[in-house]
PDB file of N, CA and C in Angstrom:
ATOM      1  N   UNK A   1      -0.576  -3.871  20.500  1.00  0.00           N
ATOM      2  CA  UNK A   1       0.021  -4.820  19.575  1.00  0.00           C
ATOM      3  C   UNK A   1       0.973  -4.066  18.649  1.00  0.00           C
ATOM      4  N   UNK A   2       2.215  -4.491  18.525  1.00  0.00           N
ATOM      5  CA  UNK A   2       3.170  -3.797  17.672  1.00  0.00           C
ATOM      6  C   UNK A   2       2.775  -3.899  16.198  1.00  0.00           C
ATOM      7  N   UNK A   3       3.009  -2.828  15.492  1.00  0.00           N
ATOM      8  CA  UNK A   3       2.717  -2.748  14.066  1.00  0.00           C
ATOM      9  C   UNK A   3       3.773  -3.503  13.275  1.00  0.00           C
ATOM     10  N   UNK A   4       3.373  -4.255  12.242  1.00  0.00           N
ATOM     11  CA  UNK A   4       4.310  -5.046  11.460  1.00  0.00           C
ATOM     12  C   UNK A   4       4.733  -4.360  10.166  1.00  0.00           C
ATOM     13  N   UNK A   5       4.222  -3.227   9.872  1.00  0.00           N
ATOM     14  CA  UNK A   5       4.520  -2.570   8.600  1.00  0.00           C
ATOM     15  C   UNK A   5       5.949  -2.043   8.575  1.00  0.00           C
ATOM     16  N   UNK A   6       6.543  -2.066   7.380  1.00  0.00           N
ATOM     17  CA  UNK A   6       7.895  -1.558   7.213  1.00  0.00           C
ATOM     18  C   UNK A   6       7.908  -0.035   7.145  1.00  0.00           C
ATOM     19  N   UNK A   7       6.812   0.568   6.697  1.00  0.00           N
ATOM     20  CA  UNK A   7       6.730   2.020   6.592  1.00  0.00           C
ATOM     21  C   UNK A   7       5.291   2.464   6.813  1.00  0.00           C
ATOM     22  N   UNK A   8       5.157   3.712   7.180  1.00  0.00           N
ATOM     23  CA  UNK A   8       3.857   4.293   7.428  1.00  0.00           C
ATOM     24  C   UNK A   8       3.060   4.391   6.125  1.00  0.00           C
ATOM     25  N   UNK A   9       1.778   4.129   6.205  1.00  0.00           N
ATOM     26  CA  UNK A   9       0.897   4.307   5.052  1.00  0.00           C
ATOM     27  C   UNK A   9       0.466   5.762   4.964  1.00  0.00           C
ATOM     28  N   UNK A  10       0.281   6.230   3.748  1.00  0.00           N
ATOM     29  CA  UNK A  10      -0.227   7.578   3.513  1.00  0.00           C
ATOM     30  C   UNK A  10      -1.573   7.447   2.821  1.00  0.00           C
ATOM     31  N   UNK A  11      -2.625   7.994   3.435  1.00  0.00           N
ATOM     32  CA  UNK A  11      -3.941   7.926   2.802  1.00  0.00           C
ATOM     33  C   UNK A  11      -3.898   8.780   1.537  1.00  0.00           C
ATOM     34  N   UNK A  12      -4.176   8.136   0.410  1.00  0.00           N
ATOM     35  CA  UNK A  12      -4.136   8.847  -0.855  1.00  0.00           C
ATOM     36  C   UNK A  12      -4.917   8.060  -1.896  1.00  0.00           C
ATOM     37  N   UNK A  13      -5.885   8.730  -2.509  1.00  0.00           N
ATOM     38  CA  UNK A  13      -6.676   8.106  -3.565  1.00  0.00           C
ATOM     39  C   UNK A  13      -6.064   8.507  -4.902  1.00  0.00           C
ATOM     40  N   UNK A  14      -5.517   7.514  -5.598  1.00  0.00           N
ATOM     41  CA  UNK A  14      -4.907   7.726  -6.899  1.00  0.00           C
ATOM     42  C   UNK A  14      -5.526   6.749  -7.894  1.00  0.00           C
ATOM     43  N   UNK A  15      -5.833   7.217  -9.100  1.00  0.00           N
ATOM     44  CA  UNK A  15      -6.334   6.284 -10.106  1.00  0.00           C
ATOM     45  C   UNK A  15      -5.191   5.427 -10.643  1.00  0.00           C
ATOM     46  N   UNK A  16      -5.411   4.135 -10.738  1.00  0.00           N
ATOM     47  CA  UNK A  16      -4.431   3.203 -11.304  1.00  0.00           C
ATOM     48  C   UNK A  16      -5.184   2.182 -12.146  1.00  0.00           C
ATOM     49  N   UNK A  17      -4.447   1.518 -13.008  1.00  0.00           N
ATOM     50  CA  UNK A  17      -5.025   0.416 -13.784  1.00  0.00           C
ATOM     51  C   UNK A  17      -4.393  -0.870 -13.276  1.00  0.00           C
ATOM     52  N   UNK A  18      -5.214  -1.892 -13.186  1.00  0.00           N
ATOM     53  CA  UNK A  18      -4.731  -3.189 -12.738  1.00  0.00           C
ATOM     54  C   UNK A  18      -4.862  -4.184 -13.892  1.00  0.00           C
ATOM     55  N   UNK A  19      -3.833  -4.990 -14.055  1.00  0.00           N
ATOM     56  CA  UNK A  19      -3.847  -6.047 -15.061  1.00  0.00           C
ATOM     57  C   UNK A  19      -3.917  -7.367 -14.310  1.00  0.00           C
ATOM     58  N   UNK A  20      -5.069  -8.014 -14.401  1.00  0.00           N
ATOM     59  CA  UNK A  20      -5.302  -9.307 -13.756  1.00  0.00           C
ATOM     60  C   UNK A  20      -5.375 -10.368 -14.848  1.00  0.00           C
ATOM     61  N   UNK A  21      -4.252 -11.011 -15.082  1.00  0.00           N
ATOM     62  CA  UNK A  21      -4.180 -12.089 -16.059  1.00  0.00           C
ATOM     63  C   UNK A  21      -4.754 -11.674 -17.405  1.00  0.00           C
ATOM     64  N   UNK A  22      -4.372 -10.485 -17.879  1.00  0.00           N
ATOM     65  CA  UNK A  22      -4.794 -10.000 -19.192  1.00  0.00           C
ATOM     66  C   UNK A  22      -6.019  -9.107 -19.184  1.00  0.00           C
ATOM     67  N   UNK A  23      -6.771  -9.078 -18.097  1.00  0.00           N
ATOM     68  CA  UNK A  23      -7.931  -8.188 -17.984  1.00  0.00           C
ATOM     69  C   UNK A  23      -7.499  -6.893 -17.311  1.00  0.00           C
ATOM     70  N   UNK A  24      -7.629  -5.773 -18.019  1.00  0.00           N
ATOM     71  CA  UNK A  24      -7.205  -4.479 -17.492  1.00  0.00           C
ATOM     72  C   UNK A  24      -8.434  -3.696 -17.046  1.00  0.00           C
ATOM     73  N   UNK A  25      -8.357  -3.128 -15.838  1.00  0.00           N
ATOM     74  CA  UNK A  25      -9.483  -2.376 -15.286  1.00  0.00           C
ATOM     75  C   UNK A  25      -8.973  -1.180 -14.498  1.00  0.00           C
ATOM     76  N   UNK A  26      -9.778  -0.133 -14.434  1.00  0.00           N
ATOM     77  CA  UNK A  26      -9.461   1.052 -13.635  1.00  0.00           C
ATOM     78  C   UNK A  26      -9.886   0.803 -12.196  1.00  0.00           C
ATOM     79  N   UNK A  27      -8.959   1.041 -11.258  1.00  0.00           N
ATOM     80  CA  UNK A  27      -9.237   0.937  -9.825  1.00  0.00           C
ATOM     81  C   UNK A  27      -8.619   2.160  -9.156  1.00  0.00           C
ATOM     82  N   UNK A  28      -8.533   2.171  -7.832  1.00  0.00           N
ATOM     83  CA  UNK A  28      -7.939   3.313  -7.123  1.00  0.00           C
ATOM     84  C   UNK A  28      -7.251   2.845  -5.845  1.00  0.00           C
ATOM     85  N   UNK A  29      -6.278   3.647  -5.414  1.00  0.00           N
ATOM     86  CA  UNK A  29      -5.606   3.363  -4.152  1.00  0.00           C
ATOM     87  C   UNK A  29      -6.431   3.945  -3.009  1.00  0.00           C
ATOM     88  N   UNK A  30      -6.312   3.332  -1.845  1.00  0.00           N
ATOM     89  CA  UNK A  30      -6.907   3.860  -0.618  1.00  0.00           C
ATOM     90  C   UNK A  30      -5.795   4.483   0.214  1.00  0.00           C
ATOM     91  N   UNK A  31      -4.684   3.767   0.320  1.00  0.00           N
ATOM     92  CA  UNK A  31      -3.481   4.320   0.933  1.00  0.00           C
ATOM     93  C   UNK A  31      -2.269   3.680   0.269  1.00  0.00           C
ATOM     94  N   UNK A  32      -1.143   4.386   0.375  1.00  0.00           N
ATOM     95  CA  UNK A  32       0.078   3.935  -0.285  1.00  0.00           C
ATOM     96  C   UNK A  32       1.257   4.015   0.678  1.00  0.00           C
ATOM     97  N   UNK A  33       2.310   3.288   0.347  1.00  0.00           N
ATOM     98  CA  UNK A  33       3.568   3.354   1.085  1.00  0.00           C
ATOM     99  C   UNK A  33       4.676   3.167   0.066  1.00  0.00           C
ATOM    100  N   UNK A  34       5.926   3.368   0.465  1.00  0.00           N
ATOM    101  CA  UNK A  34       7.016   3.142  -0.484  1.00  0.00           C
ATOM    102  C   UNK A  34       7.120   1.676  -0.928  1.00  0.00           C
ATOM    103  N   UNK A  35       6.431   0.774  -0.227  1.00  0.00           N
ATOM    104  CA  UNK A  35       6.572  -0.659  -0.499  1.00  0.00           C
ATOM    105  C   UNK A  35       5.314  -1.327  -1.033  1.00  0.00           C
ATOM    106  N   UNK A  36       4.191  -0.612  -1.098  1.00  0.00           N
ATOM    107  CA  UNK A  36       2.959  -1.234  -1.562  1.00  0.00           C
ATOM    108  C   UNK A  36       1.772  -0.306  -1.443  1.00  0.00           C
ATOM    109  N   UNK A  37       0.563  -0.900  -1.421  1.00  0.00           N
ATOM    110  CA  UNK A  37      -0.659  -0.101  -1.369  1.00  0.00           C
ATOM    111  C   UNK A  37      -1.844  -0.953  -0.969  1.00  0.00           C
ATOM    112  N   UNK A  38      -2.881  -0.246  -0.532  1.00  0.00           N
ATOM    113  CA  UNK A  38      -4.198  -0.872  -0.397  1.00  0.00           C
ATOM    114  C   UNK A  38      -5.020  -0.293  -1.529  1.00  0.00           C
ATOM    115  N   UNK A  39      -5.624  -1.172  -2.327  1.00  0.00           N
ATOM    116  CA  UNK A  39      -6.397  -0.731  -3.484  1.00  0.00           C
ATOM    117  C   UNK A  39      -7.826  -1.231  -3.357  1.00  0.00           C
ATOM    118  N   UNK A  40      -8.749  -0.530  -4.015  1.00  0.00           N
ATOM    119  CA  UNK A  40     -10.160  -0.916  -3.996  1.00  0.00           C
ATOM    120  C   UNK A  40     -10.748  -0.674  -5.384  1.00  0.00           C
ATOM    121  N   UNK A  41     -11.979  -1.112  -5.546  1.00  0.00           N
ATOM    122  CA  UNK A  41     -12.657  -0.969  -6.831  1.00  0.00           C
ATOM    123  C   UNK A  41     -12.368  -2.117  -7.780  1.00  0.00           C
ATOM    124  N   UNK A  42     -11.792  -3.200  -7.251  1.00  0.00           N
ATOM    125  CA  UNK A  42     -11.468  -4.363  -8.075  1.00  0.00           C
ATOM    126  C   UNK A  42     -12.760  -5.148  -8.311  1.00  0.00           C
ATOM    127  N   UNK A  43     -13.064  -5.443  -9.565  1.00  0.00           N
ATOM    128  CA  UNK A  43     -14.309  -6.128  -9.904  1.00  0.00           C
ATOM    129  C   UNK A  43     -14.149  -7.636 -10.105  1.00  0.00           C
ATOM    130  N   UNK A  44     -12.911  -8.120 -10.031  1.00  0.00           N
ATOM    131  CA  UNK A  44     -12.649  -9.559 -10.118  1.00  0.00           C
ATOM    132  C   UNK A  44     -12.070 -10.022  -8.794  1.00  0.00           C
ATOM    133  N   UNK A  45     -12.304 -11.280  -8.469  1.00  0.00           N
ATOM    134  CA  UNK A  45     -11.741 -11.815  -7.232  1.00  0.00           C
ATOM    135  C   UNK A  45     -10.221 -11.927  -7.366  1.00  0.00           C
ATOM    136  N   UNK A  46      -9.517 -11.481  -6.339  1.00  0.00           N
ATOM    137  CA  UNK A  46      -8.061 -11.632  -6.270  1.00  0.00           C
ATOM    138  C   UNK A  46      -7.743 -12.498  -5.066  1.00  0.00           C
ATOM    139  N   UNK A  47      -6.603 -13.196  -5.134  1.00  0.00           N
ATOM    140  CA  UNK A  47      -6.232 -14.124  -4.075  1.00  0.00           C
ATOM    141  C   UNK A  47      -4.828 -13.817  -3.555  1.00  0.00           C
ATOM    142  N   UNK A  48      -4.586 -14.000  -2.265  1.00  0.00           N
ATOM    143  CA  UNK A  48      -3.227 -13.833  -1.732  1.00  0.00           C
ATOM    144  C   UNK A  48      -2.247 -14.716  -2.505  1.00  0.00           C
ATOM    145  N   UNK A  49      -1.083 -14.149  -2.790  1.00  0.00           N
ATOM    146  CA  UNK A  49      -0.059 -14.854  -3.547  1.00  0.00           C
ATOM    147  C   UNK A  49      -0.106 -14.558  -5.036  1.00  0.00           C
ATOM    148  N   UNK A  50      -1.231 -14.070  -5.520  1.00  0.00           N
ATOM    149  CA  UNK A  50      -1.391 -13.753  -6.937  1.00  0.00           C
ATOM    150  C   UNK A  50      -0.520 -12.545  -7.296  1.00  0.00           C
ATOM    151  N   UNK A  51       0.038 -12.540  -8.500  1.00  0.00           N
ATOM    152  CA  UNK A  51       0.821 -11.405  -8.989  1.00  0.00           C
ATOM    153  C   UNK A  51      -0.025 -10.596  -9.958  1.00  0.00           C
ATOM    154  N   UNK A  52      -0.040  -9.266  -9.748  1.00  0.00           N
ATOM    155  CA  UNK A  52      -0.783  -8.355 -10.619  1.00  0.00           C
ATOM    156  C   UNK A  52       0.154  -7.241 -11.056  1.00  0.00           C
ATOM    157  N   UNK A  53      -0.219  -6.550 -12.120  1.00  0.00           N
ATOM    158  CA  UNK A  53       0.538  -5.393 -12.586  1.00  0.00           C
ATOM    159  C   UNK A  53      -0.329  -4.155 -12.431  1.00  0.00           C
ATOM    160  N   UNK A  54       0.235  -3.111 -11.827  1.00  0.00           N
ATOM    161  CA  UNK A  54      -0.442  -1.817 -11.744  1.00  0.00           C
ATOM    162  C   UNK A  54       0.244  -0.856 -12.688  1.00  0.00           C
ATOM    163  N   UNK A  55      -0.559   0.004 -13.327  1.00  0.00           N
ATOM    164  CA  UNK A  55      -0.040   1.055 -14.196  1.00  0.00           C
ATOM    165  C   UNK A  55      -0.516   2.391 -13.667  1.00  0.00           C
ATOM    166  N   UNK A  56       0.393   3.335 -13.627  1.00  0.00           N
ATOM    167  CA  UNK A  56       0.071   4.712 -13.232  1.00  0.00           C
ATOM    168  C   UNK A  56       0.771   5.609 -14.235  1.00  0.00           C
ATOM    169  N   UNK A  57       0.010   6.182 -15.156  1.00  0.00           N
ATOM    170  CA  UNK A  57       0.619   6.946 -16.246  1.00  0.00           C
ATOM    171  C   UNK A  57       1.442   6.005 -17.111  1.00  0.00           C
ATOM    172  N   UNK A  58       2.709   6.350 -17.305  1.00  0.00           N
ATOM    173  CA  UNK A  58       3.594   5.489 -18.101  1.00  0.00           C
ATOM    174  C   UNK A  58       4.347   4.473 -17.246  1.00  0.00           C
ATOM    175  N   UNK A  59       4.189   4.559 -15.932  1.00  0.00           N
ATOM    176  CA  UNK A  59       4.875   3.653 -15.005  1.00  0.00           C
ATOM    177  C   UNK A  59       4.105   2.339 -14.860  1.00  0.00           C
ATOM    178  N   UNK A  60       4.837   1.238 -14.791  1.00  0.00           N
ATOM    179  CA  UNK A  60       4.238  -0.075 -14.524  1.00  0.00           C
ATOM    180  C   UNK A  60       5.066  -0.768 -13.457  1.00  0.00           C
ATOM    181  N   UNK A  61       4.396  -1.539 -12.604  1.00  0.00           N
ATOM    182  CA  UNK A  61       5.110  -2.303 -11.575  1.00  0.00           C
ATOM    183  C   UNK A  61       4.301  -3.541 -11.232  1.00  0.00           C
ATOM    184  N   UNK A  62       5.014  -4.583 -10.853  1.00  0.00           N
ATOM    185  CA  UNK A  62       4.358  -5.810 -10.416  1.00  0.00           C
ATOM    186  C   UNK A  62       4.187  -5.785  -8.898  1.00  0.00           C
ATOM    187  N   UNK A  63       3.083  -6.381  -8.463  1.00  0.00           N
ATOM    188  CA  UNK A  63       2.756  -6.454  -7.042  1.00  0.00           C
ATOM    189  C   UNK A  63       2.274  -7.854  -6.712  1.00  0.00           C
ATOM    190  N   UNK A  64       2.492  -8.239  -5.467  1.00  0.00           N
ATOM    191  CA  UNK A  64       1.987  -9.505  -4.938  1.00  0.00           C
ATOM    192  C   UNK A  64       0.797  -9.179  -4.045  1.00  0.00           C
ATOM    193  N   UNK A  65      -0.299  -9.890  -4.228  1.00  0.00           N
ATOM    194  CA  UNK A  65      -1.476  -9.713  -3.372  1.00  0.00           C
ATOM    195  C   UNK A  65      -1.155 -10.360  -2.028  1.00  0.00           C
ATOM    196  N   UNK A  66      -1.184  -9.558  -0.969  1.00  0.00           N
ATOM    197  CA  UNK A  66      -0.888 -10.044   0.379  1.00  0.00           C
ATOM    198  C   UNK A  66      -2.181 -10.476   1.074  1.00  0.00           C
ATOM    199  N   UNK A  67      -3.237  -9.705   0.887  1.00  0.00           N
ATOM    200  CA  UNK A  67      -4.545 -10.041   1.441  1.00  0.00           C
ATOM    201  C   UNK A  67      -5.614  -9.466   0.516  1.00  0.00           C
ATOM    202  N   UNK A  68      -6.800 -10.027   0.582  1.00  0.00           N
ATOM    203  CA  UNK A  68      -7.927  -9.541  -0.216  1.00  0.00           C
ATOM    204  C   UNK A  68      -9.212  -9.789   0.557  1.00  0.00           C
ATOM    205  N   UNK A  69     -10.179  -8.885   0.365  1.00  0.00           N
ATOM    206  CA  UNK A  69     -11.469  -9.073   1.014  1.00  0.00           C
ATOM    207  C   UNK A  69     -12.565  -8.441   0.172  1.00  0.00           C
ATOM    208  N   UNK A  70     -13.744  -9.033   0.188  1.00  0.00           N
ATOM    209  CA  UNK A  70     -14.865  -8.445  -0.552  1.00  0.00           C
ATOM    210  C   UNK A  70     -15.388  -7.214   0.187  1.00  0.00           C
ATOM    211  N   UNK A  71     -15.745  -6.181  -0.585  1.00  0.00           N
ATOM    212  CA  UNK A  71     -16.347  -4.980  -0.005  1.00  0.00           C
ATOM    213  C   UNK A  71     -17.859  -5.015  -0.137  1.00  0.00           C
ATOM    214  N   UNK A  72     -18.301  -5.709  -1.113  1.00  0.00           N
ATOM    215  CA  UNK A  72     -19.731  -5.830  -1.390  1.00  0.00           C
ATOM    216  C   UNK A  72     -19.872  -6.762  -2.569  1.00  0.00           C
ATOM    217  N   UNK A  73     -21.057  -6.796  -3.124  1.00  0.00           N
ATOM    218  CA  UNK A  73     -21.298  -7.701  -4.243  1.00  0.00           C
ATOM    219  C   UNK A  73     -20.447  -7.291  -5.443  1.00  0.00           C
ATOM    220  N   UNK A  74     -19.495  -8.151  -5.786  1.00  0.00           N
ATOM    221  CA  UNK A  74     -18.675  -7.925  -6.977  1.00  0.00           C
ATOM    222  C   UNK A  74     -17.595  -6.882  -6.847  1.00  0.00           C
ATOM    223  N   UNK A  75     -17.258  -6.464  -5.622  1.00  0.00           N
ATOM    224  CA  UNK A  75     -16.162  -5.494  -5.447  1.00  0.00           C
ATOM    225  C   UNK A  75     -15.239  -5.981  -4.345  1.00  0.00           C
ATOM    226  N   UNK A  76     -13.926  -5.858  -4.609  1.00  0.00           N
ATOM    227  CA  UNK A  76     -12.913  -6.313  -3.671  1.00  0.00           C
ATOM    228  C   UNK A  76     -11.920  -5.198  -3.385  1.00  0.00           C
ATOM    229  N   UNK A  77     -11.278  -5.302  -2.237  1.00  0.00           N
ATOM    230  CA  UNK A  77     -10.099  -4.482  -1.956  1.00  0.00           C
ATOM    231  C   UNK A  77      -8.977  -5.437  -1.609  1.00  0.00           C
ATOM    232  N   UNK A  78      -7.731  -4.946  -1.771  1.00  0.00           N
ATOM    233  CA  UNK A  78      -6.585  -5.826  -1.539  1.00  0.00           C
ATOM    234  C   UNK A  78      -5.390  -5.033  -1.049  1.00  0.00           C
ATOM    235  N   UNK A  79      -4.554  -5.720  -0.290  1.00  0.00           N
ATOM    236  CA  UNK A  79      -3.269  -5.182   0.120  1.00  0.00           C
ATOM    237  C   UNK A  79      -2.221  -5.726  -0.830  1.00  0.00           C
ATOM    238  N   UNK A  80      -1.431  -4.840  -1.425  1.00  0.00           N
ATOM    239  CA  UNK A  80      -0.436  -5.229  -2.415  1.00  0.00           C
ATOM    240  C   UNK A  80       0.964  -4.876  -1.941  1.00  0.00           C
ATOM    241  N   UNK A  81       1.904  -5.780  -2.195  1.00  0.00           N
ATOM    242  CA  UNK A  81       3.311  -5.556  -1.882  1.00  0.00           C
ATOM    243  C   UNK A  81       4.070  -5.452  -3.202  1.00  0.00           C
ATOM    244  N   UNK A  82       4.826  -4.356  -3.363  1.00  0.00           N
ATOM    245  CA  UNK A  82       5.566  -4.163  -4.601  1.00  0.00           C
ATOM    246  C   UNK A  82       6.661  -5.197  -4.786  1.00  0.00           C
ATOM    247  N   UNK A  83       6.778  -5.734  -5.998  1.00  0.00           N
ATOM    248  CA  UNK A  83       7.833  -6.687  -6.318  1.00  0.00           C
ATOM    249  C   UNK A  83       9.015  -5.950  -6.941  1.00  0.00           C
ATOM    250  N   UNK A  84       8.740  -5.084  -7.894  1.00  0.00           N
ATOM    251  CA  UNK A  84       9.790  -4.306  -8.547  1.00  0.00           C
ATOM    252  C   UNK A  84       9.405  -2.827  -8.538  1.00  0.00           C
ATOM    253  N   UNK A  85       8.946  -2.341  -7.406  1.00  0.00           N
ATOM    254  CA  UNK A  85       8.407  -0.986  -7.269  1.00  0.00           C
ATOM    255  C   UNK A  85       9.514   0.053  -7.308  1.00  0.00           C
ATOM    256  N   UNK A  86       9.431   0.958  -8.281  1.00  0.00           N
ATOM    257  CA  UNK A  86      10.403   2.048  -8.392  1.00  0.00           C
ATOM    258  C   UNK A  86      10.030   3.152  -7.415  1.00  0.00           C
ATOM    259  N   UNK A  87      11.041   3.879  -6.974  1.00  0.00           N
ATOM    260  CA  UNK A  87      10.851   4.915  -5.955  1.00  0.00           C
ATOM    261  C   UNK A  87       9.816   5.960  -6.360  1.00  0.00           C
ATOM    262  N   UNK A  88       9.748   6.331  -7.615  1.00  0.00           N
ATOM    263  CA  UNK A  88       8.841   7.399  -8.069  1.00  0.00           C
ATOM    264  C   UNK A  88       7.539   6.867  -8.668  1.00  0.00           C
ATOM    265  N   UNK A  89       7.220   5.598  -8.449  1.00  0.00           N
ATOM    266  CA  UNK A  89       6.035   5.000  -9.064  1.00  0.00           C
ATOM    267  C   UNK A  89       4.760   5.774  -8.748  1.00  0.00           C
ATOM    268  N   UNK A  90       4.559   6.165  -7.498  1.00  0.00           N
ATOM    269  CA  UNK A  90       3.317   6.832  -7.107  1.00  0.00           C
ATOM    270  C   UNK A  90       3.267   8.290  -7.558  1.00  0.00           C
ATOM    271  N   UNK A  91       4.399   8.872  -7.900  1.00  0.00           N
ATOM    272  CA  UNK A  91       4.407  10.267  -8.336  1.00  0.00           C
ATOM    273  C   UNK A  91       4.367  11.265  -7.199  1.00  0.00           C
ATOM    274  N   UNK A  92       4.538  10.786  -5.973  1.00  0.00           N
ATOM    275  CA  UNK A  92       4.584  11.657  -4.796  1.00  0.00           C
ATOM    276  C   UNK A  92       5.754  11.222  -3.935  1.00  0.00           C
ATOM    277  N   UNK A  93       6.245  12.126  -3.130  1.00  0.00           N
ATOM    278  CA  UNK A  93       7.377  11.848  -2.239  1.00  0.00           C
ATOM    279  C   UNK A  93       6.874  11.149  -0.978  1.00  0.00           C
ATOM    280  N   UNK A  94       7.404   9.964  -0.706  1.00  0.00           N
ATOM    281  CA  UNK A  94       7.038   9.213   0.494  1.00  0.00           C
ATOM    282  C   UNK A  94       8.294   8.968   1.311  1.00  0.00           C
ATOM    283  N   UNK A  95       8.184   9.107   2.623  1.00  0.00           N
ATOM    284  CA  UNK A  95       9.333   8.908   3.503  1.00  0.00           C
ATOM    285  C   UNK A  95       9.525   7.428   3.784  1.00  0.00           C
ATOM    286  N   UNK A  96      10.674   6.897   3.398  1.00  0.00           N
ATOM    287  CA  UNK A  96      10.968   5.487   3.665  1.00  0.00           C
ATOM    288  C   UNK A  96      11.349   5.254   5.116  1.00  0.00           C
ATOM    289  N   UNK A  97      11.928   6.260   5.766  1.00  0.00           N
ATOM    290  CA  UNK A  97      12.381   6.060   7.133  1.00  0.00           C
ATOM    291  C   UNK A  97      11.330   6.424   8.169  1.00  0.00           C
ATOM    292  N   UNK A  98      10.140   6.803   7.734  1.00  0.00           N
ATOM    293  CA  UNK A  98       9.073   7.141   8.675  1.00  0.00           C
ATOM    294  C   UNK A  98       8.344   5.859   9.065  1.00  0.00           C
ATOM    295  N   UNK A  99       9.046   4.988   9.740  1.00  0.00           N
ATOM    296  CA  UNK A  99       8.460   3.702  10.095  1.00  0.00           C
ATOM    297  C   UNK A  99       7.498   3.848  11.252  1.00  0.00           C
ATOM    298  N   UNK A 100       6.584   2.939  11.332  1.00  0.00           N
ATOM    299  CA  UNK A 100       5.624   2.921  12.429  1.00  0.00           C
ATOM    300  C   UNK A 100       6.353   2.711  13.743  1.00  0.00           C
ATOM    301  N   UNK A 101       7.366   1.829  13.739  1.00  0.00           N
ATOM    302  CA  UNK A 101       8.126   1.581  14.956  1.00  0.00           C
ATOM    303  C   UNK A 101       8.794   2.853  15.451  1.00  0.00           C
ATOM    304  N   UNK A 102       9.365   3.639  14.540  1.00  0.00           N
ATOM    305  CA  UNK A 102      10.013   4.887  14.906  1.00  0.00           C
ATOM    306  C   UNK A 102       8.992   5.860  15.500  1.00  0.00           C
ATOM    307  N   UNK A 103       7.801   5.950  14.913  1.00  0.00           N
ATOM    308  CA  UNK A 103       6.756   6.818  15.449  1.00  0.00           C
ATOM    309  C   UNK A 103       6.371   6.391  16.854  1.00  0.00           C
ATOM    310  N   UNK A 104       6.324   5.090  17.101  1.00  0.00           N
ATOM    311  CA  UNK A 104       5.972   4.584  18.421  1.00  0.00           C
ATOM    312  C   UNK A 104       7.048   4.960  19.439  1.00  0.00           C
ATOM    313  N   UNK A 105       8.317   4.878  19.044  1.00  0.00           N
ATOM    314  CA  UNK A 105       9.412   5.269  19.940  1.00  0.00           C
ATOM    315  C   UNK A 105       9.296   6.736  20.318  1.00  0.00           C
ATOM    316  N   UNK A 106       9.023   7.594  19.342  1.00  0.00           N
ATOM    317  CA  UNK A 106       8.872   9.024  19.600  1.00  0.00           C
ATOM    318  C   UNK A 106       7.698   9.265  20.539  1.00  0.00           C
ATOM    319  N   UNK A 107       6.575   8.590  20.297  1.00  0.00           N
ATOM    320  CA  UNK A 107       5.396   8.743  21.144  1.00  0.00           C
ATOM    321  C   UNK A 107       5.702   8.332  22.582  1.00  0.00           C
ATOM    322  N   UNK A 108       6.389   7.209  22.756  1.00  0.00           N
ATOM    323  CA  UNK A 108       6.717   6.737  24.096  1.00  0.00           C
ATOM    324  C   UNK A 108       7.625   7.729  24.829  1.00  0.00           C
ATOM    325  N   UNK A 109       8.577   8.316  24.130  1.00  0.00           N
ATOM    326  CA  UNK A 109       9.448   9.321  24.744  1.00  0.00           C
ATOM    327  C   UNK A 109       8.647  10.535  25.180  1.00  0.00           C
ATOM    328  N   UNK A 110       7.691  10.957  24.352  1.00  0.00           N
ATOM    329  CA  UNK A 110       6.856  12.106  24.703  1.00  0.00           C
ATOM    330  C   UNK A 110       5.984  11.802  25.922  1.00  0.00           C
ATOM    331  N   UNK A 111       5.460  10.587  25.995  1.00  0.00           N
ATOM    332  CA  UNK A 111       4.608  10.210  27.123  1.00  0.00           C
ATOM    333  C   UNK A 111       5.388  10.120  28.431  1.00  0.00           C
ATOM    334  N   UNK A 112       6.647   9.720  28.362  1.00  0.00           N
ATOM    335  CA  UNK A 112       7.478   9.596  29.558  1.00  0.00           C
ATOM    336  C   UNK A 112       7.851  10.957  30.124  1.00  0.00           C
ATOM    337  N   UNK A 113       7.844  11.966  29.284  1.00  0.00           N
ATOM    338  CA  UNK A 113       8.209  13.304  29.739  1.00  0.00           C
ATOM    339  C   UNK A 113       9.717  13.502  29.754  1.00  0.00           C
ATOM    340  N   UNK A 114      10.151  14.675  30.260  1.00  0.00           N
ATOM    341  CA  UNK A 114      11.578  14.972  30.266  1.00  0.00           C
ATOM    342  C   UNK A 114      12.350  13.998  31.154  1.00  0.00           C
ATOM    343  N   UNK A 115      13.491  13.579  30.702  1.00  0.00           N
ATOM    344  CA  UNK A 115      14.332  12.647  31.453  1.00  0.00           C
ATOM    345  C   UNK A 115      15.234  13.424  32.414  1.00  0.00           C
ATOM    346  N   UNK A 116      15.388  12.911  33.630  1.00  0.00           N
ATOM    347  CA  UNK A 116      16.281  13.529  34.611  1.00  0.00           C
ATOM    348  C   UNK A 116      17.707  13.164  34.268  1.00  0.00           C
ATOM    349  N   UNK A 117      18.598  14.077  34.443  1.00  0.00           N
ATOM    350  CA  UNK A 117      20.012  13.824  34.149  1.00  0.00           C
ATOM    351  C   UNK A 117      20.801  13.652  35.405  1.00  0.00           C
TER     352      UNK A 117
END
């Protein structure tokens, strides 16, 4: 099944604060990309379509909840898509052109072996 992501995710646990309609709580990322993140440790229910604000140090950005699921009693994880995400928000260098589709093309070329000319 082809991957629908715009960019590759990077597994990285970073502490962030989430603002859910005025309630601020400490959570963490599970993986990040130049366009969003998967976060966990959320103690309030979040719903797809909901807008939240994440803070990392002095940086703030708005995100749209794309999906959410319970991890256990009173804990949720969610996939977030950046609305106004600045390039340096995560504080680490992420490759925007390292798309999953591009990785698949490279893999397929390697599997086919050398091409005859």
